[in-house]
Amino acid sequence: MPIYTYRTLKADGGEGEIFEVEQPIGSPSLTVHPQTGEKVERIYDVPNLTSQYTPGKEKSLSDLARVKRAGFEVFEKDKISGKYFRK
């Protein structure tokens, strides 16, 4: 689940505490602080993306020799019978 950042709004219009909440993507944004009941606004920020698992760094599963060296067996599905056979 993504983590969203919120800021409490003070009665004088000033900015208050900044906090983070883990919420499902489809849930509506919070309007009040879950613990104190103060009004809040959502802070839209740049997403935190890691490049560790991007396609450029990902090792391809189509390299069958590498997959077999890792100890896995490779099976191929017969298009006619629907059964799997070792490759």
C-alpha atoms as a PDB file:
ATOM      1  CA  MET A   1       0.000   0.000   0.000  1.00  0.00           C
ATOM      2  CA  PRO A   2       1.229   3.498  -0.749  1.00  0.00           C
ATOM      3  CA  ILE A   3       2.174   5.965   1.957  1.00  0.00           C
ATOM      4  CA  TYR A   4       0.574   9.413   1.730  1.00  0.00           C
ATOM      5  CA  THR A   5       1.795  12.598   3.407  1.00  0.00           C
ATOM      6  CA  TYR A   6      -0.605  14.974   5.176  1.00  0.00           C
ATOM      7  CA  ARG A   7      -0.294  18.285   7.043  1.00  0.00           C
ATOM      8  CA  THR A   8      -2.564  19.464   9.855  1.00  0.00           C
ATOM      9  CA  LEU A   9      -4.165  22.886   9.410  1.00  0.00           C
ATOM     10  CA  LYS A  10      -4.188  25.248  12.390  1.00  0.00           C
ATOM     11  CA  ALA A  11      -7.167  27.467  13.187  1.00  0.00           C
ATOM     12  CA  ASP A  12      -5.154  30.594  12.274  1.00  0.00           C
ATOM     13  CA  GLY A  13      -4.447  29.128   8.813  1.00  0.00           C
ATOM     14  CA  GLY A  14      -0.869  28.168   9.612  1.00  0.00           C
ATOM     15  CA  GLU A  15       0.734  24.859   8.852  1.00  0.00           C
ATOM     16  CA  GLY A  16       0.955  22.236  11.545  1.00  0.00           C
ATOM     17  CA  GLU A  17       2.333  18.744  11.982  1.00  0.00           C
ATOM     18  CA  ILE A  18       3.312  16.691   8.936  1.00  0.00           C
ATOM     19  CA  PHE A  19       2.538  12.975   9.141  1.00  0.00           C
ATOM     20  CA  GLU A  20       2.329   9.938   6.877  1.00  0.00           C
ATOM     21  CA  VAL A  21      -0.456   7.390   6.539  1.00  0.00           C
ATOM     22  CA  GLU A  22      -0.450   4.051   4.723  1.00  0.00           C
ATOM     23  CA  GLN A  23      -3.694   3.825   2.732  1.00  0.00           C
ATOM     24  CA  PRO A  24      -5.107   1.718  -0.102  1.00  0.00           C
ATOM     25  CA  ILE A  25      -4.893   3.457  -3.481  1.00  0.00           C
ATOM     26  CA  GLY A  26      -8.661   3.617  -3.954  1.00  0.00           C
ATOM     27  CA  SER A  27      -9.446   5.138  -0.553  1.00  0.00           C
ATOM     28  CA  PRO A  28     -10.395   8.822  -0.354  1.00  0.00           C
ATOM     29  CA  SER A  29      -7.939  11.359   1.056  1.00  0.00           C
ATOM     30  CA  LEU A  30      -8.186  12.082   4.769  1.00  0.00           C
ATOM     31  CA  THR A  31      -9.959  15.267   5.851  1.00  0.00           C
ATOM     32  CA  VAL A  32      -9.189  14.986   9.586  1.00  0.00           C
ATOM     33  CA  HIS A  33      -6.219  13.669  11.577  1.00  0.00           C
ATOM     34  CA  PRO A  34      -6.948  10.045  12.583  1.00  0.00           C
ATOM     35  CA  GLN A  35      -5.875  10.631  16.221  1.00  0.00           C
ATOM     36  CA  THR A  36      -6.504  14.297  17.008  1.00  0.00           C
ATOM     37  CA  GLY A  37      -9.432  15.109  14.697  1.00  0.00           C
ATOM     38  CA  GLU A  38      -7.722  18.276  13.380  1.00  0.00           C
ATOM     39  CA  LYS A  39      -8.369  19.264   9.767  1.00  0.00           C
ATOM     40  CA  VAL A  40      -5.679  18.080   7.362  1.00  0.00           C
ATOM     41  CA  GLU A  41      -4.629  18.570   3.757  1.00  0.00           C
ATOM     42  CA  ARG A  42      -2.784  16.103   1.597  1.00  0.00           C
ATOM     43  CA  ILE A  43       0.708  17.047   0.449  1.00  0.00           C
ATOM     44  CA  TYR A  44       1.383  15.986  -3.131  1.00  0.00           C
ATOM     45  CA  ASP A  45       4.999  15.002  -3.472  1.00  0.00           C
ATOM     46  CA  VAL A  46       7.270  13.366  -6.023  1.00  0.00           C
ATOM     47  CA  PRO A  47       6.904   9.560  -5.827  1.00  0.00           C
ATOM     48  CA  ASN A  48       9.759   7.658  -4.238  1.00  0.00           C
ATOM     49  CA  LEU A  49      10.870   5.231  -6.929  1.00  0.00           C
ATOM     50  CA  THR A  50      13.813   2.918  -6.660  1.00  0.00           C
ATOM     51  CA  SER A  51      15.889   2.014  -9.682  1.00  0.00           C
ATOM     52  CA  GLN A  52      16.947  -1.292  -8.145  1.00  0.00           C
ATOM     53  CA  TYR A  53      14.088  -3.205  -9.788  1.00  0.00           C
ATOM     54  CA  THR A  54      13.634  -1.270 -13.013  1.00  0.00           C
ATOM     55  CA  PRO A  55      13.588  -3.179 -16.313  1.00  0.00           C
ATOM     56  CA  GLY A  56      17.132  -2.052 -17.116  1.00  0.00           C
ATOM     57  CA  LYS A  57      18.514  -3.729 -14.004  1.00  0.00           C
ATOM     58  CA  GLU A  58      16.234  -6.764 -14.139  1.00  0.00           C
ATOM     59  CA  LYS A  59      17.823 -10.017 -15.265  1.00  0.00           C
ATOM     60  CA  SER A  60      15.772 -11.635 -17.969  1.00  0.00           C
ATOM     61  CA  LEU A  61      13.901 -14.879 -17.300  1.00  0.00           C
ATOM     62  CA  SER A  62      14.141 -15.592 -21.019  1.00  0.00           C
ATOM     63  CA  ASP A  63      17.813 -16.514 -20.548  1.00  0.00           C
ATOM     64  CA  LEU A  64      17.114 -20.231 -20.107  1.00  0.00           C
ATOM     65  CA  ALA A  65      20.733 -21.156 -19.395  1.00  0.00           C
ATOM     66  CA  ARG A  66      20.809 -18.705 -16.504  1.00  0.00           C
ATOM     67  CA  VAL A  67      17.489 -19.997 -15.162  1.00  0.00           C
ATOM     68  CA  LYS A  68      18.717 -23.595 -15.285  1.00  0.00           C
ATOM     69  CA  ARG A  69      22.016 -22.659 -13.596  1.00  0.00           C
ATOM     70  CA  ALA A  70      19.957 -21.168 -10.771  1.00  0.00           C
ATOM     71  CA  GLY A  71      18.435 -24.617 -10.183  1.00  0.00           C
ATOM     72  CA  PHE A  72      15.043 -24.177 -11.800  1.00  0.00           C
ATOM     73  CA  GLU A  73      13.454 -26.498 -14.336  1.00  0.00           C
ATOM     74  CA  VAL A  74      12.026 -25.003 -17.505  1.00  0.00           C
ATOM     75  CA  PHE A  75       8.731 -26.275 -18.891  1.00  0.00           C
ATOM     76  CA  GLU A  76       7.036 -25.463 -22.164  1.00  0.00           C
ATOM     77  CA  LYS A  77       3.287 -25.725 -22.764  1.00  0.00           C
ATOM     78  CA  ASP A  78       2.168 -27.739 -25.775  1.00  0.00           C
ATOM     79  CA  LYS A  79      -0.293 -25.554 -27.695  1.00  0.00           C
ATOM     80  CA  ILE A  80      -2.391 -28.493 -28.878  1.00  0.00           C
ATOM     81  CA  SER A  81      -2.729 -30.688 -25.779  1.00  0.00           C
ATOM     82  CA  GLY A  82      -2.227 -27.972 -23.157  1.00  0.00           C
ATOM     83  CA  LYS A  83       0.242 -30.196 -21.251  1.00  0.00           C
ATOM     84  CA  TYR A  84       3.641 -29.047 -20.010  1.00  0.00           C
ATOM     85  CA  PHE A  85       6.891 -30.720 -21.034  1.00  0.00           C
ATOM     86  CA  ARG A  86      10.455 -30.224 -19.785  1.00  0.00           C
ATOM     87  CA  LYS A  87      12.492 -28.137 -22.122  1.00  0.00           C
END
